[in-house]
Amino acid sequence: MEIERKYLVSELPSNLEEYPVRRIQQGYLNREPVIRIRREDNDFILTYKSSGLMIREEVNLPLDAQSYENLRRKIDGKLITKKRYLIPYKQYTIELDVFSGELAPLILAEVEFPTAEDAENFTPPSWFGEDVTFDGRYHNSYLSK
């Protein structure tokens, strides 16, 4: 189960280079339900996500590089490219996505939670912008169209 909130970010934190960064490519084979392929540095993953906005079922399966490349040729829409910075915040980790290519200069922050109650009671840091958790236009599957 994935429980997350998502926020627009208009200004990057000044010390971004201090945090671990992952380079991500991802594409979508299907949007309802979501079936996604992702390359995260040298890891390859096939993901299923159910419908929903803040709470969704999520299943991840490993892929090898060859399978990823074969499936990448079959994606529907754009291949999304982004850098993901992992920023500790209280007991959570902020996943700060800085998009490149056609989606630049979009920047989104996601925070995952163990419970819906934790997600509902979350107070974001001051540099977060609008909460877009319940706006499906900010799901990566939508952005890839």
Protein backbone atom coordinates (compact mmCIF):
# COMPACT_ATOMS: atom_id res chain seq x y z
CA MET A 1 0.00 0.00 0.00
CA GLU A 2 1.30 3.46 -0.89
CA ILE A 3 0.11 6.45 1.15
CA GLU A 4 1.62 9.72 -0.04
CA ARG A 5 1.09 13.44 -0.28
CA LYS A 6 2.38 15.50 -3.21
CA TYR A 7 3.29 19.20 -3.39
CA LEU A 8 4.41 21.69 -6.01
CA VAL A 9 7.76 23.31 -5.29
CA SER A 10 8.69 26.63 -6.86
CA GLU A 11 12.11 27.15 -5.27
CA LEU A 12 14.72 24.49 -4.59
CA PRO A 13 16.35 24.24 -1.17
CA SER A 14 19.75 25.97 -1.20
CA ASN A 15 21.69 22.93 0.05
CA LEU A 16 20.34 20.41 -2.48
CA GLU A 17 23.79 19.08 -3.42
CA GLU A 18 24.14 17.69 0.14
CA TYR A 19 21.47 15.03 -0.43
CA PRO A 20 21.57 11.71 -2.27
CA VAL A 21 20.24 11.93 -5.83
CA ARG A 22 18.88 9.26 -8.15
CA ARG A 23 18.45 9.59 -11.89
CA ILE A 24 15.12 8.22 -13.05
CA GLN A 25 13.54 7.38 -16.39
CA GLN A 26 10.01 6.04 -16.42
CA GLY A 27 7.29 5.27 -18.89
CA TYR A 28 3.78 3.90 -18.81
CA LEU A 29 2.48 0.80 -20.53
CA ASN A 30 -1.03 1.39 -19.15
CA ARG A 31 -2.71 4.13 -17.11
CA GLU A 32 -5.81 2.38 -15.64
CA PRO A 33 -4.56 0.46 -13.82
CA VAL A 34 -1.12 2.04 -13.88
CA ILE A 35 1.61 -0.23 -15.21
CA ARG A 36 4.93 1.57 -15.18
CA ILE A 37 8.51 0.72 -16.04
CA ARG A 38 11.30 2.59 -14.32
CA ARG A 39 15.04 2.82 -14.49
CA GLU A 40 16.43 4.26 -11.26
CA ASP A 41 20.19 4.53 -11.73
CA ASN A 42 21.06 0.86 -12.45
CA ASP A 43 17.87 -0.70 -11.05
CA PHE A 44 14.96 -1.65 -13.32
CA ILE A 45 11.42 -2.04 -11.98
CA LEU A 46 7.95 -2.90 -13.27
CA THR A 47 5.23 -1.35 -11.09
CA TYR A 48 1.48 -1.87 -10.82
CA LYS A 49 -0.57 0.84 -9.07
CA SER A 50 -4.29 0.75 -8.42
CA SER A 51 -6.53 3.78 -8.86
CA GLY A 52 -6.64 6.40 -6.13
CA LEU A 53 -4.99 9.67 -5.20
CA MET A 54 -3.50 9.63 -1.70
CA ILE A 55 -3.85 5.89 -0.99
CA ARG A 56 -3.14 3.23 -3.63
CA GLU A 57 -2.07 -0.35 -3.84
CA GLU A 58 1.43 -0.64 -5.29
CA VAL A 59 3.37 -3.73 -6.35
CA ASN A 60 6.98 -3.56 -7.59
CA LEU A 61 8.71 -6.33 -9.53
CA PRO A 62 12.36 -6.38 -10.58
CA LEU A 63 13.30 -6.25 -14.26
CA ASP A 64 16.63 -6.83 -15.96
CA ALA A 65 18.11 -4.19 -18.27
CA GLN A 66 17.14 -6.08 -21.45
CA SER A 67 13.49 -6.41 -20.38
CA TYR A 68 13.38 -2.73 -19.47
CA GLU A 69 14.74 -1.73 -22.89
CA ASN A 70 12.27 -4.01 -24.68
CA LEU A 71 9.33 -2.58 -22.71
CA ARG A 72 10.57 1.00 -23.11
CA ARG A 73 9.89 0.75 -26.83
CA LYS A 74 6.25 -0.03 -26.01
CA ILE A 75 5.42 2.85 -23.67
CA ASP A 76 2.38 5.01 -24.30
CA GLY A 77 3.38 8.69 -24.31
CA LYS A 78 6.57 10.38 -23.16
CA LEU A 79 9.45 8.86 -21.29
CA ILE A 80 9.73 10.93 -18.10
CA THR A 81 13.23 11.89 -16.94
CA LYS A 82 13.95 13.44 -13.58
CA LYS A 83 16.40 13.69 -10.72
CA ARG A 84 15.09 12.56 -7.34
CA TYR A 85 16.70 14.03 -4.24
CA LEU A 86 16.14 12.21 -0.93
CA ILE A 87 15.83 14.77 1.86
CA PRO A 88 15.29 13.76 5.50
CA TYR A 89 12.48 15.67 7.22
CA LYS A 90 11.38 14.76 10.74
CA GLN A 91 10.71 10.99 10.65
CA TYR A 92 10.03 11.05 6.88
CA THR A 93 11.95 11.31 3.63
CA ILE A 94 11.01 13.96 1.09
CA GLU A 95 11.39 12.70 -2.47
CA LEU A 96 12.06 15.89 -4.43
CA ASP A 97 11.62 15.32 -8.17
CA VAL A 98 13.23 17.83 -10.54
CA PHE A 99 11.90 17.05 -14.01
CA SER A 100 13.89 17.55 -17.20
CA GLY A 101 13.02 17.55 -20.89
CA GLU A 102 9.47 18.56 -21.85
CA LEU A 103 8.34 18.64 -18.20
CA ALA A 104 11.02 21.11 -17.01
CA PRO A 105 10.86 23.27 -14.92
CA LEU A 106 8.30 21.20 -12.96
CA ILE A 107 9.38 20.30 -9.42
CA LEU A 108 7.28 18.05 -7.17
CA ALA A 109 7.84 16.85 -3.62
CA GLU A 110 6.33 13.59 -2.39
CA VAL A 111 6.24 12.23 1.13
CA GLU A 112 5.18 8.66 1.94
CA PHE A 113 3.48 7.74 5.22
CA PRO A 114 2.81 4.56 7.19
CA THR A 115 -0.84 5.50 7.82
CA ALA A 116 -3.55 7.72 6.36
CA GLU A 117 -3.77 9.50 9.72
CA ASP A 118 -0.07 10.42 9.53
CA ALA A 119 -0.60 11.75 6.01
CA GLU A 120 -3.61 13.83 7.04
CA ASN A 121 -1.74 15.33 10.03
CA PHE A 122 1.45 16.14 8.11
CA THR A 123 2.79 19.71 8.28
CA PRO A 124 5.07 20.34 5.29
CA PRO A 125 8.22 22.45 5.43
CA SER A 126 7.89 26.12 4.52
CA TRP A 127 9.48 25.68 1.07
CA PHE A 128 6.66 23.40 -0.11
CA GLY A 129 4.06 25.03 -2.32
CA GLU A 130 0.51 23.99 -3.19
CA ASP A 131 -0.70 20.57 -2.03
CA VAL A 132 -1.64 18.71 -5.25
CA THR A 133 -2.23 15.30 -3.65
CA PHE A 134 -5.83 15.18 -4.87
CA ASP A 135 -5.15 16.64 -8.32
CA GLY A 136 -4.66 13.73 -10.73
CA ARG A 137 -2.94 16.03 -13.24
CA TYR A 138 0.21 15.73 -11.13
CA HIS A 139 0.40 11.93 -11.25
CA ASN A 140 3.37 10.93 -13.37
CA SER A 141 1.09 8.71 -15.46
CA TYR A 142 -0.89 11.82 -16.44
CA LEU A 143 2.26 13.89 -17.01
CA SER A 144 3.54 11.27 -19.47
CA LYS A 145 0.64 11.85 -21.91
